[in-house]
Amino acid sequence: MLTNVGFISWYRNALSRPLPRQVTALAAAESGDVEAQFGLGLTFSGGHGTERKLDQAARWFRQAALQGHPLAQFNLGTMLTSGDGVPKDLAEGLTWTRKAAEGGVAPAQYSLGSKFHRSSVSRPGDDCAESRIEAYKWFYLAAAQGFQGSAAACERITLQMTREEVADGNQRVASFQARKTDASGASNPLSHLAAE
């Protein structure tokens, strides 16, 4: 989950405040403080001064994710996709990863680009072209934030695209605006990617 060197580097740059002390963080998290919930998720997932407890990490990431915390959404999506600390659920994991990507989290954008790229290889016809365009968009957005490997992935997918597809991808990139996700947990229509 937090082992990718590119993600760790990007993640350190994204954090602006230090983790609170665990006792204070627990009280704050239980009272609904989203940053404290996220901090506890990190503490339990990485063993920062405490025993690694992935079930507790997932619990706190879920609490923060439900409040729209993009990094918590990414971590929860990763845990669900891999079955770390929670039952494996590819569809729900993909939903949370999508929310994080839409919230501007570069590793989530890269991950989503990878899913669309794999789908473009395995799905024929118009679905294939649509998946290539979406892969291009997400790789491009992650590369714009300097996420490791994204620029190369974007170049590779571009070689498989027509000029029209690249133009469509560039329009999607230009119109993208990172947004906060809602707390409703509404799913996205990505069911065909969950099986990839």
N, C-alpha and C. Protein backbone atom coordinates (compact mmCIF):
# COMPACT_ATOMS: atom_id res chain seq x y z
N MET A 1 0.83 -1.18 0.00
CA MET A 1 0.00 0.00 0.00
C MET A 1 0.87 1.25 0.00
N LEU A 2 1.75 1.42 0.99
CA LEU A 2 2.56 2.61 1.08
C LEU A 2 4.03 2.31 0.75
N THR A 3 4.27 1.29 -0.08
CA THR A 3 5.64 0.89 -0.35
C THR A 3 6.20 1.46 -1.64
N ASN A 4 5.39 1.95 -2.54
CA ASN A 4 5.85 2.48 -3.80
C ASN A 4 6.68 3.74 -3.54
N VAL A 5 7.92 3.74 -4.03
CA VAL A 5 8.83 4.86 -3.79
C VAL A 5 8.27 6.15 -4.36
N GLY A 6 7.69 6.11 -5.54
CA GLY A 6 7.12 7.30 -6.14
C GLY A 6 5.98 7.85 -5.32
N PHE A 7 5.15 6.96 -4.79
CA PHE A 7 4.02 7.40 -3.97
C PHE A 7 4.52 8.01 -2.67
N ILE A 8 5.51 7.38 -2.04
CA ILE A 8 6.01 7.88 -0.77
C ILE A 8 6.59 9.28 -0.95
N SER A 9 7.35 9.48 -2.01
CA SER A 9 7.92 10.79 -2.28
C SER A 9 6.81 11.81 -2.54
N TRP A 10 5.86 11.46 -3.36
CA TRP A 10 4.75 12.36 -3.66
C TRP A 10 3.95 12.65 -2.40
N TYR A 11 3.74 11.61 -1.61
CA TYR A 11 2.92 11.71 -0.42
C TYR A 11 3.57 12.64 0.62
N ARG A 12 4.88 12.53 0.81
CA ARG A 12 5.57 13.40 1.76
C ARG A 12 5.40 14.86 1.36
N ASN A 13 5.44 15.14 0.07
CA ASN A 13 5.26 16.51 -0.40
C ASN A 13 3.82 16.98 -0.21
N ALA A 14 2.86 16.06 -0.24
CA ALA A 14 1.45 16.43 -0.13
C ALA A 14 1.03 16.75 1.30
N LEU A 15 1.71 16.15 2.27
CA LEU A 15 1.33 16.39 3.68
C LEU A 15 1.82 17.75 4.13
N SER A 16 0.97 18.46 4.84
CA SER A 16 1.38 19.78 5.31
C SER A 16 1.40 19.89 6.82
N ARG A 17 0.82 18.90 7.53
CA ARG A 17 0.85 18.99 8.98
C ARG A 17 1.27 17.66 9.57
N PRO A 18 2.02 17.68 10.65
CA PRO A 18 2.48 16.43 11.25
C PRO A 18 1.34 15.66 11.90
N LEU A 19 1.57 14.35 12.04
CA LEU A 19 0.57 13.51 12.70
C LEU A 19 0.46 13.90 14.17
N PRO A 20 -0.76 13.97 14.70
CA PRO A 20 -0.93 14.28 16.12
C PRO A 20 -0.54 13.07 16.97
N ARG A 21 -0.36 13.29 18.28
CA ARG A 21 -0.08 12.18 19.19
C ARG A 21 -1.26 11.23 19.17
N GLN A 22 -1.00 9.95 19.37
CA GLN A 22 -2.03 8.93 19.22
C GLN A 22 -3.21 9.13 20.15
N VAL A 23 -2.98 9.45 21.43
CA VAL A 23 -4.08 9.61 22.38
C VAL A 23 -4.95 10.78 21.96
N THR A 24 -4.34 11.91 21.64
CA THR A 24 -5.08 13.08 21.19
C THR A 24 -5.77 12.77 19.86
N ALA A 25 -5.07 12.06 19.00
CA ALA A 25 -5.63 11.72 17.69
C ALA A 25 -6.85 10.83 17.83
N LEU A 26 -6.81 9.89 18.75
CA LEU A 26 -7.96 9.00 18.94
C LEU A 26 -9.19 9.77 19.36
N ALA A 27 -9.04 10.67 20.31
CA ALA A 27 -10.18 11.48 20.75
C ALA A 27 -10.70 12.35 19.61
N ALA A 28 -9.77 12.96 18.87
CA ALA A 28 -10.18 13.81 17.75
C ALA A 28 -10.85 12.99 16.65
N ALA A 29 -10.28 11.81 16.36
CA ALA A 29 -10.85 10.95 15.31
C ALA A 29 -12.25 10.49 15.69
N GLU A 30 -12.42 10.10 16.94
CA GLU A 30 -13.74 9.65 17.38
C GLU A 30 -14.77 10.76 17.35
N SER A 31 -14.31 12.02 17.47
CA SER A 31 -15.24 13.14 17.40
C SER A 31 -15.47 13.62 15.96
N GLY A 32 -14.85 12.94 14.98
CA GLY A 32 -15.12 13.24 13.58
C GLY A 32 -14.06 14.04 12.86
N ASP A 33 -12.92 14.32 13.48
CA ASP A 33 -11.85 15.08 12.82
C ASP A 33 -11.25 14.23 11.70
N VAL A 34 -11.44 14.65 10.46
CA VAL A 34 -11.03 13.86 9.31
C VAL A 34 -9.52 13.68 9.24
N GLU A 35 -8.75 14.70 9.59
CA GLU A 35 -7.29 14.57 9.55
C GLU A 35 -6.80 13.61 10.63
N ALA A 36 -7.44 13.63 11.80
CA ALA A 36 -7.07 12.69 12.86
C ALA A 36 -7.42 11.27 12.44
N GLN A 37 -8.56 11.08 11.78
CA GLN A 37 -8.95 9.75 11.29
C GLN A 37 -7.93 9.25 10.28
N PHE A 38 -7.55 10.11 9.36
CA PHE A 38 -6.56 9.74 8.37
C PHE A 38 -5.22 9.43 9.04
N GLY A 39 -4.83 10.25 10.00
CA GLY A 39 -3.58 10.03 10.72
C GLY A 39 -3.56 8.70 11.45
N LEU A 40 -4.68 8.32 12.06
CA LEU A 40 -4.75 7.02 12.73
C LEU A 40 -4.67 5.89 11.71
N GLY A 41 -5.29 6.08 10.56
CA GLY A 41 -5.17 5.09 9.49
C GLY A 41 -3.72 4.86 9.11
N LEU A 42 -2.97 5.96 8.97
CA LEU A 42 -1.54 5.85 8.66
C LEU A 42 -0.78 5.17 9.78
N THR A 43 -1.09 5.56 11.00
CA THR A 43 -0.40 4.98 12.16
C THR A 43 -0.60 3.47 12.20
N PHE A 44 -1.83 3.02 12.06
CA PHE A 44 -2.11 1.59 12.14
C PHE A 44 -1.62 0.83 10.90
N SER A 45 -1.53 1.49 9.76
CA SER A 45 -1.08 0.79 8.56
C SER A 45 0.43 0.68 8.48
N GLY A 46 1.12 1.64 9.04
CA GLY A 46 2.56 1.64 8.92
C GLY A 46 3.31 1.33 10.19
N GLY A 47 2.59 1.20 11.29
CA GLY A 47 3.24 0.88 12.55
C GLY A 47 4.06 2.02 13.12
N HIS A 48 3.64 3.27 12.91
CA HIS A 48 4.36 4.43 13.46
C HIS A 48 4.22 4.44 14.98
N GLY A 49 5.13 3.76 15.68
CA GLY A 49 5.11 3.76 17.13
C GLY A 49 4.05 2.85 17.72
N THR A 50 3.39 2.09 16.90
CA THR A 50 2.37 1.17 17.37
C THR A 50 2.41 -0.10 16.54
N GLU A 51 1.76 -1.13 17.02
CA GLU A 51 1.69 -2.38 16.28
C GLU A 51 0.87 -2.18 15.01
N ARG A 52 1.31 -2.78 13.94
CA ARG A 52 0.59 -2.68 12.67
C ARG A 52 -0.72 -3.45 12.76
N LYS A 53 -1.83 -2.75 12.57
CA LYS A 53 -3.17 -3.35 12.65
C LYS A 53 -3.97 -2.88 11.43
N LEU A 54 -3.94 -3.69 10.38
CA LEU A 54 -4.56 -3.28 9.13
C LEU A 54 -6.07 -3.14 9.23
N ASP A 55 -6.72 -3.95 10.07
CA ASP A 55 -8.16 -3.80 10.21
C ASP A 55 -8.51 -2.44 10.81
N GLN A 56 -7.71 -1.98 11.77
CA GLN A 56 -7.93 -0.66 12.35
C GLN A 56 -7.58 0.45 11.34
N ALA A 57 -6.53 0.22 10.57
CA ALA A 57 -6.16 1.20 9.54
C ALA A 57 -7.31 1.37 8.55
N ALA A 58 -7.88 0.25 8.11
CA ALA A 58 -9.01 0.31 7.17
C ALA A 58 -10.20 1.03 7.78
N ARG A 59 -10.44 0.78 9.06
CA ARG A 59 -11.57 1.43 9.74
C ARG A 59 -11.42 2.94 9.70
N TRP A 60 -10.23 3.43 10.07
CA TRP A 60 -10.03 4.88 10.12
C TRP A 60 -9.92 5.50 8.73
N PHE A 61 -9.31 4.78 7.79
CA PHE A 61 -9.30 5.29 6.42
C PHE A 61 -10.73 5.41 5.88
N ARG A 62 -11.57 4.42 6.19
CA ARG A 62 -12.96 4.46 5.73
C ARG A 62 -13.69 5.67 6.33
N GLN A 63 -13.48 5.93 7.61
CA GLN A 63 -14.13 7.08 8.25
C GLN A 63 -13.73 8.38 7.55
N ALA A 64 -12.44 8.53 7.30
CA ALA A 64 -11.95 9.74 6.63
C ALA A 64 -12.41 9.78 5.17
N ALA A 65 -12.41 8.63 4.50
CA ALA A 65 -12.85 8.56 3.09
C ALA A 65 -14.30 8.97 2.96
N LEU A 66 -15.13 8.54 3.88
CA LEU A 66 -16.55 8.90 3.84
C LEU A 66 -16.77 10.41 3.99
N GLN A 67 -15.79 11.08 4.59
CA GLN A 67 -15.87 12.53 4.72
C GLN A 67 -15.20 13.24 3.55
N GLY A 68 -14.73 12.48 2.55
CA GLY A 68 -14.18 13.07 1.34
C GLY A 68 -12.68 13.30 1.35
N HIS A 69 -11.94 12.67 2.25
CA HIS A 69 -10.48 12.83 2.30
C HIS A 69 -9.86 12.00 1.16
N PRO A 70 -9.31 12.66 0.13
CA PRO A 70 -8.82 11.93 -1.05
C PRO A 70 -7.72 10.91 -0.78
N LEU A 71 -6.76 11.22 0.10
CA LEU A 71 -5.69 10.26 0.37
C LEU A 71 -6.22 9.06 1.13
N ALA A 72 -7.19 9.28 2.01
CA ALA A 72 -7.83 8.15 2.72
C ALA A 72 -8.60 7.30 1.72
N GLN A 73 -9.24 7.94 0.76
CA GLN A 73 -9.96 7.20 -0.28
C GLN A 73 -9.02 6.32 -1.06
N PHE A 74 -7.85 6.85 -1.40
CA PHE A 74 -6.87 6.05 -2.14
C PHE A 74 -6.39 4.87 -1.31
N ASN A 75 -6.03 5.14 -0.04
CA ASN A 75 -5.53 4.05 0.81
C ASN A 75 -6.60 2.99 1.02
N LEU A 76 -7.84 3.40 1.25
CA LEU A 76 -8.93 2.44 1.42
C LEU A 76 -9.12 1.64 0.13
N GLY A 77 -9.11 2.31 -1.00
CA GLY A 77 -9.25 1.62 -2.28
C GLY A 77 -8.16 0.59 -2.50
N THR A 78 -6.93 0.94 -2.13
CA THR A 78 -5.80 0.03 -2.26
C THR A 78 -5.97 -1.18 -1.35
N MET A 79 -6.40 -0.93 -0.12
CA MET A 79 -6.60 -2.03 0.83
C MET A 79 -7.71 -2.97 0.37
N LEU A 80 -8.79 -2.41 -0.16
CA LEU A 80 -9.90 -3.23 -0.65
C LEU A 80 -9.48 -4.04 -1.87
N THR A 81 -8.73 -3.43 -2.75
CA THR A 81 -8.29 -4.11 -3.97
C THR A 81 -7.35 -5.27 -3.66
N SER A 82 -6.50 -5.10 -2.65
CA SER A 82 -5.54 -6.15 -2.31
C SER A 82 -6.01 -7.07 -1.19
N GLY A 83 -7.07 -6.68 -0.48
CA GLY A 83 -7.56 -7.49 0.63
C GLY A 83 -6.71 -7.35 1.88
N ASP A 84 -6.03 -6.23 2.05
CA ASP A 84 -5.22 -5.98 3.24
C ASP A 84 -6.09 -5.43 4.37
N GLY A 85 -6.31 -6.23 5.40
CA GLY A 85 -7.06 -5.78 6.56
C GLY A 85 -8.56 -5.78 6.40
N VAL A 86 -9.03 -6.03 5.19
CA VAL A 86 -10.46 -6.07 4.86
C VAL A 86 -10.69 -7.18 3.84
N PRO A 87 -11.92 -7.65 3.72
CA PRO A 87 -12.18 -8.62 2.65
C PRO A 87 -11.93 -7.97 1.28
N LYS A 88 -11.32 -8.72 0.39
CA LYS A 88 -11.01 -8.22 -0.95
C LYS A 88 -12.31 -7.89 -1.68
N ASP A 89 -12.39 -6.67 -2.23
CA ASP A 89 -13.56 -6.23 -2.97
C ASP A 89 -13.09 -5.30 -4.09
N LEU A 90 -12.88 -5.87 -5.27
CA LEU A 90 -12.33 -5.10 -6.39
C LEU A 90 -13.23 -3.95 -6.81
N ALA A 91 -14.53 -4.18 -6.85
CA ALA A 91 -15.45 -3.13 -7.29
C ALA A 91 -15.45 -1.95 -6.33
N GLU A 92 -15.54 -2.22 -5.03
CA GLU A 92 -15.52 -1.12 -4.06
C GLU A 92 -14.16 -0.44 -4.04
N GLY A 93 -13.09 -1.24 -4.16
CA GLY A 93 -11.76 -0.66 -4.21
C GLY A 93 -11.59 0.29 -5.38
N LEU A 94 -12.13 -0.10 -6.51
CA LEU A 94 -12.06 0.74 -7.70
C LEU A 94 -12.87 2.02 -7.52
N THR A 95 -14.01 1.92 -6.86
CA THR A 95 -14.84 3.10 -6.61
C THR A 95 -14.07 4.12 -5.77
N TRP A 96 -13.42 3.66 -4.70
CA TRP A 96 -12.66 4.58 -3.85
C TRP A 96 -11.43 5.12 -4.57
N THR A 97 -10.78 4.30 -5.39
CA THR A 97 -9.63 4.77 -6.16
C THR A 97 -10.07 5.85 -7.13
N ARG A 98 -11.22 5.66 -7.75
CA ARG A 98 -11.76 6.67 -8.69
C ARG A 98 -12.03 7.99 -7.98
N LYS A 99 -12.63 7.91 -6.79
CA LYS A 99 -12.90 9.12 -6.02
C LYS A 99 -11.60 9.86 -5.69
N ALA A 100 -10.58 9.09 -5.30
CA ALA A 100 -9.29 9.70 -4.98
C ALA A 100 -8.67 10.34 -6.23
N ALA A 101 -8.76 9.66 -7.36
CA ALA A 101 -8.22 10.21 -8.62
C ALA A 101 -8.94 11.50 -8.99
N GLU A 102 -10.25 11.50 -8.83
CA GLU A 102 -11.02 12.71 -9.12
C GLU A 102 -10.70 13.82 -8.12
N GLY A 103 -10.22 13.45 -6.94
CA GLY A 103 -9.80 14.42 -5.94
C GLY A 103 -8.39 14.93 -6.15
N GLY A 104 -7.71 14.43 -7.19
CA GLY A 104 -6.38 14.94 -7.54
C GLY A 104 -5.21 14.15 -6.99
N VAL A 105 -5.44 12.96 -6.46
CA VAL A 105 -4.35 12.15 -5.89
C VAL A 105 -3.61 11.44 -7.03
N ALA A 106 -2.36 11.84 -7.24
CA ALA A 106 -1.58 11.32 -8.37
C ALA A 106 -1.43 9.80 -8.38
N PRO A 107 -1.12 9.14 -7.27
CA PRO A 107 -1.01 7.68 -7.32
C PRO A 107 -2.34 7.01 -7.70
N ALA A 108 -3.44 7.60 -7.29
CA ALA A 108 -4.75 7.06 -7.66
C ALA A 108 -4.99 7.27 -9.16
N GLN A 109 -4.57 8.41 -9.68
CA GLN A 109 -4.71 8.67 -11.12
C GLN A 109 -3.88 7.67 -11.92
N TYR A 110 -2.67 7.40 -11.46
CA TYR A 110 -1.82 6.43 -12.13
C TYR A 110 -2.46 5.04 -12.08
N SER A 111 -2.94 4.67 -10.91
CA SER A 111 -3.58 3.36 -10.74
C SER A 111 -4.80 3.22 -11.65
N LEU A 112 -5.62 4.26 -11.72
CA LEU A 112 -6.80 4.23 -12.58
C LEU A 112 -6.39 4.18 -14.06
N GLY A 113 -5.35 4.93 -14.42
CA GLY A 113 -4.84 4.86 -15.78
C GLY A 113 -4.40 3.45 -16.13
N SER A 114 -3.75 2.78 -15.18
CA SER A 114 -3.31 1.40 -15.40
C SER A 114 -4.50 0.46 -15.61
N LYS A 115 -5.55 0.65 -14.83
CA LYS A 115 -6.76 -0.18 -14.99
C LYS A 115 -7.37 0.02 -16.37
N PHE A 116 -7.49 1.29 -16.78
CA PHE A 116 -8.06 1.56 -18.11
C PHE A 116 -7.15 1.02 -19.21
N HIS A 117 -5.84 1.10 -19.02
CA HIS A 117 -4.93 0.58 -20.03
C HIS A 117 -5.10 -0.93 -20.18
N ARG A 118 -5.15 -1.64 -19.05
CA ARG A 118 -5.36 -3.09 -19.13
C ARG A 118 -6.71 -3.41 -19.79
N SER A 119 -7.71 -2.61 -19.51
CA SER A 119 -9.02 -2.82 -20.12
C SER A 119 -8.97 -2.57 -21.63
N SER A 120 -8.16 -1.60 -22.06
CA SER A 120 -8.08 -1.30 -23.49
C SER A 120 -7.45 -2.44 -24.27
N VAL A 121 -6.61 -3.21 -23.61
CA VAL A 121 -5.96 -4.34 -24.26
C VAL A 121 -6.91 -5.53 -24.36
N SER A 122 -7.77 -5.68 -23.36
CA SER A 122 -8.62 -6.87 -23.29
C SER A 122 -10.03 -6.69 -23.83
N ARG A 123 -10.43 -5.46 -24.15
CA ARG A 123 -11.80 -5.21 -24.62
C ARG A 123 -11.78 -4.70 -26.06
N PRO A 124 -12.46 -5.36 -26.96
CA PRO A 124 -12.45 -4.95 -28.37
C PRO A 124 -13.39 -3.77 -28.66
N GLY A 125 -13.19 -3.18 -29.84
CA GLY A 125 -14.13 -2.19 -30.36
C GLY A 125 -14.04 -0.83 -29.69
N ASP A 126 -15.22 -0.18 -29.64
CA ASP A 126 -15.31 1.17 -29.10
C ASP A 126 -14.90 1.24 -27.63
N ASP A 127 -15.18 0.18 -26.87
CA ASP A 127 -14.77 0.15 -25.47
C ASP A 127 -13.26 0.27 -25.36
N CYS A 128 -12.56 -0.33 -26.30
CA CYS A 128 -11.10 -0.29 -26.31
C CYS A 128 -10.60 1.14 -26.50
N ALA A 129 -11.16 1.85 -27.46
CA ALA A 129 -10.76 3.23 -27.72
C ALA A 129 -11.08 4.12 -26.52
N GLU A 130 -12.25 3.96 -25.94
CA GLU A 130 -12.64 4.75 -24.77
C GLU A 130 -11.69 4.48 -23.60
N SER A 131 -11.34 3.24 -23.39
CA SER A 131 -10.42 2.90 -22.31
C SER A 131 -9.03 3.50 -22.55
N ARG A 132 -8.57 3.51 -23.81
CA ARG A 132 -7.27 4.12 -24.12
C ARG A 132 -7.28 5.62 -23.82
N ILE A 133 -8.37 6.28 -24.19
CA ILE A 133 -8.48 7.73 -23.96
C ILE A 133 -8.48 8.02 -22.46
N GLU A 134 -9.23 7.25 -21.71
CA GLU A 134 -9.27 7.44 -20.25
C GLU A 134 -7.92 7.13 -19.62
N ALA A 135 -7.25 6.08 -20.08
CA ALA A 135 -5.91 5.76 -19.57
C ALA A 135 -4.96 6.92 -19.81
N TYR A 136 -5.00 7.45 -21.04
CA TYR A 136 -4.17 8.60 -21.40
C TYR A 136 -4.44 9.76 -20.46
N LYS A 137 -5.71 10.07 -20.24
CA LYS A 137 -6.08 11.20 -19.37
C LYS A 137 -5.49 11.03 -17.97
N TRP A 138 -5.71 9.87 -17.36
CA TRP A 138 -5.26 9.67 -15.99
C TRP A 138 -3.74 9.62 -15.89
N PHE A 139 -3.07 8.99 -16.86
CA PHE A 139 -1.60 8.99 -16.85
C PHE A 139 -1.06 10.42 -17.00
N TYR A 140 -1.66 11.19 -17.89
CA TYR A 140 -1.23 12.56 -18.14
C TYR A 140 -1.37 13.40 -16.87
N LEU A 141 -2.52 13.26 -16.19
CA LEU A 141 -2.76 14.04 -14.97
C LEU A 141 -1.77 13.67 -13.87
N ALA A 142 -1.47 12.38 -13.74
CA ALA A 142 -0.49 11.95 -12.74
C ALA A 142 0.90 12.45 -13.11
N ALA A 143 1.23 12.42 -14.40
CA ALA A 143 2.54 12.91 -14.85
C ALA A 143 2.69 14.40 -14.60
N ALA A 144 1.60 15.15 -14.76
CA ALA A 144 1.64 16.59 -14.52
C ALA A 144 2.00 16.91 -13.07
N GLN A 145 1.76 15.95 -12.17
CA GLN A 145 2.13 16.13 -10.75
C GLN A 145 3.49 15.50 -10.44
N GLY A 146 4.13 14.95 -11.46
CA GLY A 146 5.46 14.38 -11.28
C GLY A 146 5.46 12.98 -10.70
N PHE A 147 4.35 12.27 -10.79
CA PHE A 147 4.32 10.94 -10.22
C PHE A 147 5.16 9.98 -11.06
N GLN A 148 6.05 9.27 -10.40
CA GLN A 148 7.02 8.40 -11.05
C GLN A 148 6.36 7.36 -11.97
N GLY A 149 6.85 7.29 -13.19
CA GLY A 149 6.38 6.31 -14.17
C GLY A 149 5.20 6.77 -15.00
N SER A 150 4.56 7.85 -14.61
CA SER A 150 3.36 8.30 -15.31
C SER A 150 3.66 8.85 -16.70
N ALA A 151 4.72 9.62 -16.82
CA ALA A 151 5.05 10.19 -18.12
C ALA A 151 5.37 9.09 -19.13
N ALA A 152 6.12 8.09 -18.70
CA ALA A 152 6.46 6.97 -19.59
C ALA A 152 5.20 6.19 -19.96
N ALA A 153 4.31 5.98 -19.00
CA ALA A 153 3.06 5.26 -19.28
C ALA A 153 2.21 6.05 -20.27
N CYS A 154 2.18 7.37 -20.11
CA CYS A 154 1.42 8.22 -21.03
C CYS A 154 2.00 8.14 -22.44
N GLU A 155 3.32 8.13 -22.55
CA GLU A 155 3.96 8.02 -23.86
C GLU A 155 3.64 6.67 -24.51
N ARG A 156 3.69 5.59 -23.71
CA ARG A 156 3.39 4.26 -24.26
C ARG A 156 1.96 4.16 -24.78
N ILE A 157 1.01 4.69 -24.02
CA ILE A 157 -0.39 4.59 -24.47
C ILE A 157 -0.62 5.47 -25.69
N THR A 158 0.10 6.59 -25.78
CA THR A 158 -0.05 7.49 -26.93
C THR A 158 0.32 6.78 -28.22
N LEU A 159 1.31 5.89 -28.17
CA LEU A 159 1.73 5.15 -29.36
C LEU A 159 0.64 4.22 -29.88
N GLN A 160 -0.32 3.88 -29.04
CA GLN A 160 -1.41 2.98 -29.43
C GLN A 160 -2.66 3.74 -29.86
N MET A 161 -2.62 5.07 -29.82
CA MET A 161 -3.81 5.88 -30.07
C MET A 161 -3.77 6.57 -31.43
N THR A 162 -4.96 6.86 -31.93
CA THR A 162 -5.07 7.68 -33.15
C THR A 162 -4.93 9.15 -32.76
N ARG A 163 -4.74 10.00 -33.76
CA ARG A 163 -4.66 11.45 -33.49
C ARG A 163 -5.96 11.95 -32.86
N GLU A 164 -7.08 11.44 -33.33
CA GLU A 164 -8.37 11.85 -32.79
C GLU A 164 -8.51 11.46 -31.32
N GLU A 165 -8.03 10.26 -30.99
CA GLU A 165 -8.09 9.81 -29.59
C GLU A 165 -7.21 10.68 -28.70
N VAL A 166 -6.02 11.02 -29.19
CA VAL A 166 -5.13 11.88 -28.41
C VAL A 166 -5.76 13.26 -28.22
N ALA A 167 -6.37 13.79 -29.27
CA ALA A 167 -7.04 15.10 -29.17
C ALA A 167 -8.17 15.03 -28.14
N ASP A 168 -8.96 13.95 -28.17
CA ASP A 168 -10.03 13.76 -27.20
C ASP A 168 -9.45 13.67 -25.79
N GLY A 169 -8.36 12.93 -25.63
CA GLY A 169 -7.70 12.81 -24.33
C GLY A 169 -7.21 14.16 -23.82
N ASN A 170 -6.63 14.96 -24.71
CA ASN A 170 -6.16 16.29 -24.32
C ASN A 170 -7.30 17.20 -23.90
N GLN A 171 -8.45 17.07 -24.57
CA GLN A 171 -9.63 17.85 -24.17
C GLN A 171 -10.10 17.44 -22.77
N ARG A 172 -10.06 16.15 -22.49
CA ARG A 172 -10.47 15.66 -21.17
C ARG A 172 -9.50 16.14 -20.09
N VAL A 173 -8.23 16.15 -20.41
CA VAL A 173 -7.23 16.65 -19.46
C VAL A 173 -7.49 18.13 -19.19
N ALA A 174 -7.69 18.90 -20.25
CA ALA A 174 -7.90 20.34 -20.10
C ALA A 174 -9.16 20.66 -19.30
N SER A 175 -10.17 19.83 -19.41
CA SER A 175 -11.42 20.11 -18.69
C SER A 175 -11.45 19.51 -17.28
N PHE A 176 -10.42 18.74 -16.92
CA PHE A 176 -10.40 18.10 -15.60
C PHE A 176 -10.17 19.14 -14.50
N GLN A 177 -10.97 19.05 -13.47
CA GLN A 177 -10.76 19.85 -12.27
C GLN A 177 -10.90 18.92 -11.09
N ALA A 178 -9.85 18.85 -10.28
CA ALA A 178 -9.91 18.01 -9.09
C ALA A 178 -11.06 18.50 -8.23
N ARG A 179 -11.82 17.56 -7.72
CA ARG A 179 -12.95 17.94 -6.87
C ARG A 179 -12.97 17.10 -5.62
N LYS A 180 -13.61 17.64 -4.65
CA LYS A 180 -13.82 16.87 -3.43
C LYS A 180 -14.96 15.91 -3.71
N THR A 181 -14.80 14.69 -3.24
CA THR A 181 -15.86 13.70 -3.42
C THR A 181 -16.86 13.84 -2.30
N ASP A 182 -18.06 13.37 -2.58
CA ASP A 182 -19.10 13.44 -1.55
C ASP A 182 -19.00 12.27 -0.59
N ALA A 183 -19.71 12.38 0.49
CA ALA A 183 -19.68 11.35 1.52
C ALA A 183 -20.72 10.27 1.28
N SER A 184 -21.43 10.33 0.18
CA SER A 184 -22.53 9.38 -0.04
C SER A 184 -22.04 7.98 -0.36
N GLY A 185 -20.81 7.88 -0.87
CA GLY A 185 -20.30 6.57 -1.24
C GLY A 185 -20.93 6.05 -2.52
N ALA A 186 -21.56 6.93 -3.30
CA ALA A 186 -22.19 6.51 -4.55
C ALA A 186 -21.15 5.90 -5.47
N SER A 187 -21.49 4.80 -6.08
CA SER A 187 -20.51 4.11 -6.91
C SER A 187 -20.43 4.71 -8.29
N ASN A 188 -19.32 4.44 -8.94
CA ASN A 188 -19.10 4.90 -10.30
C ASN A 188 -19.27 3.74 -11.26
N PRO A 189 -19.68 4.03 -12.48
CA PRO A 189 -19.91 2.95 -13.44
C PRO A 189 -18.62 2.38 -14.01
N LEU A 190 -17.85 1.68 -13.18
CA LEU A 190 -16.58 1.13 -13.62
C LEU A 190 -16.55 -0.38 -13.43
N SER A 191 -17.70 -1.02 -13.45
CA SER A 191 -17.76 -2.44 -13.14
C SER A 191 -16.90 -3.28 -14.07
N HIS A 192 -16.77 -2.88 -15.34
CA HIS A 192 -15.97 -3.69 -16.26
C HIS A 192 -14.48 -3.64 -15.91
N LEU A 193 -14.03 -2.61 -15.17
CA LEU A 193 -12.64 -2.53 -14.78
C LEU A 193 -12.34 -3.35 -13.53
N ALA A 194 -13.33 -3.57 -12.70
CA ALA A 194 -13.11 -4.30 -11.45
C ALA A 194 -12.65 -5.74 -11.71
N ALA A 195 -13.05 -6.29 -12.81
CA ALA A 195 -12.69 -7.68 -13.13
C ALA A 195 -11.30 -7.80 -13.74
N GLU A 196 -10.69 -6.67 -14.08
CA GLU A 196 -9.38 -6.69 -14.73
C GLU A 196 -8.29 -7.08 -13.77
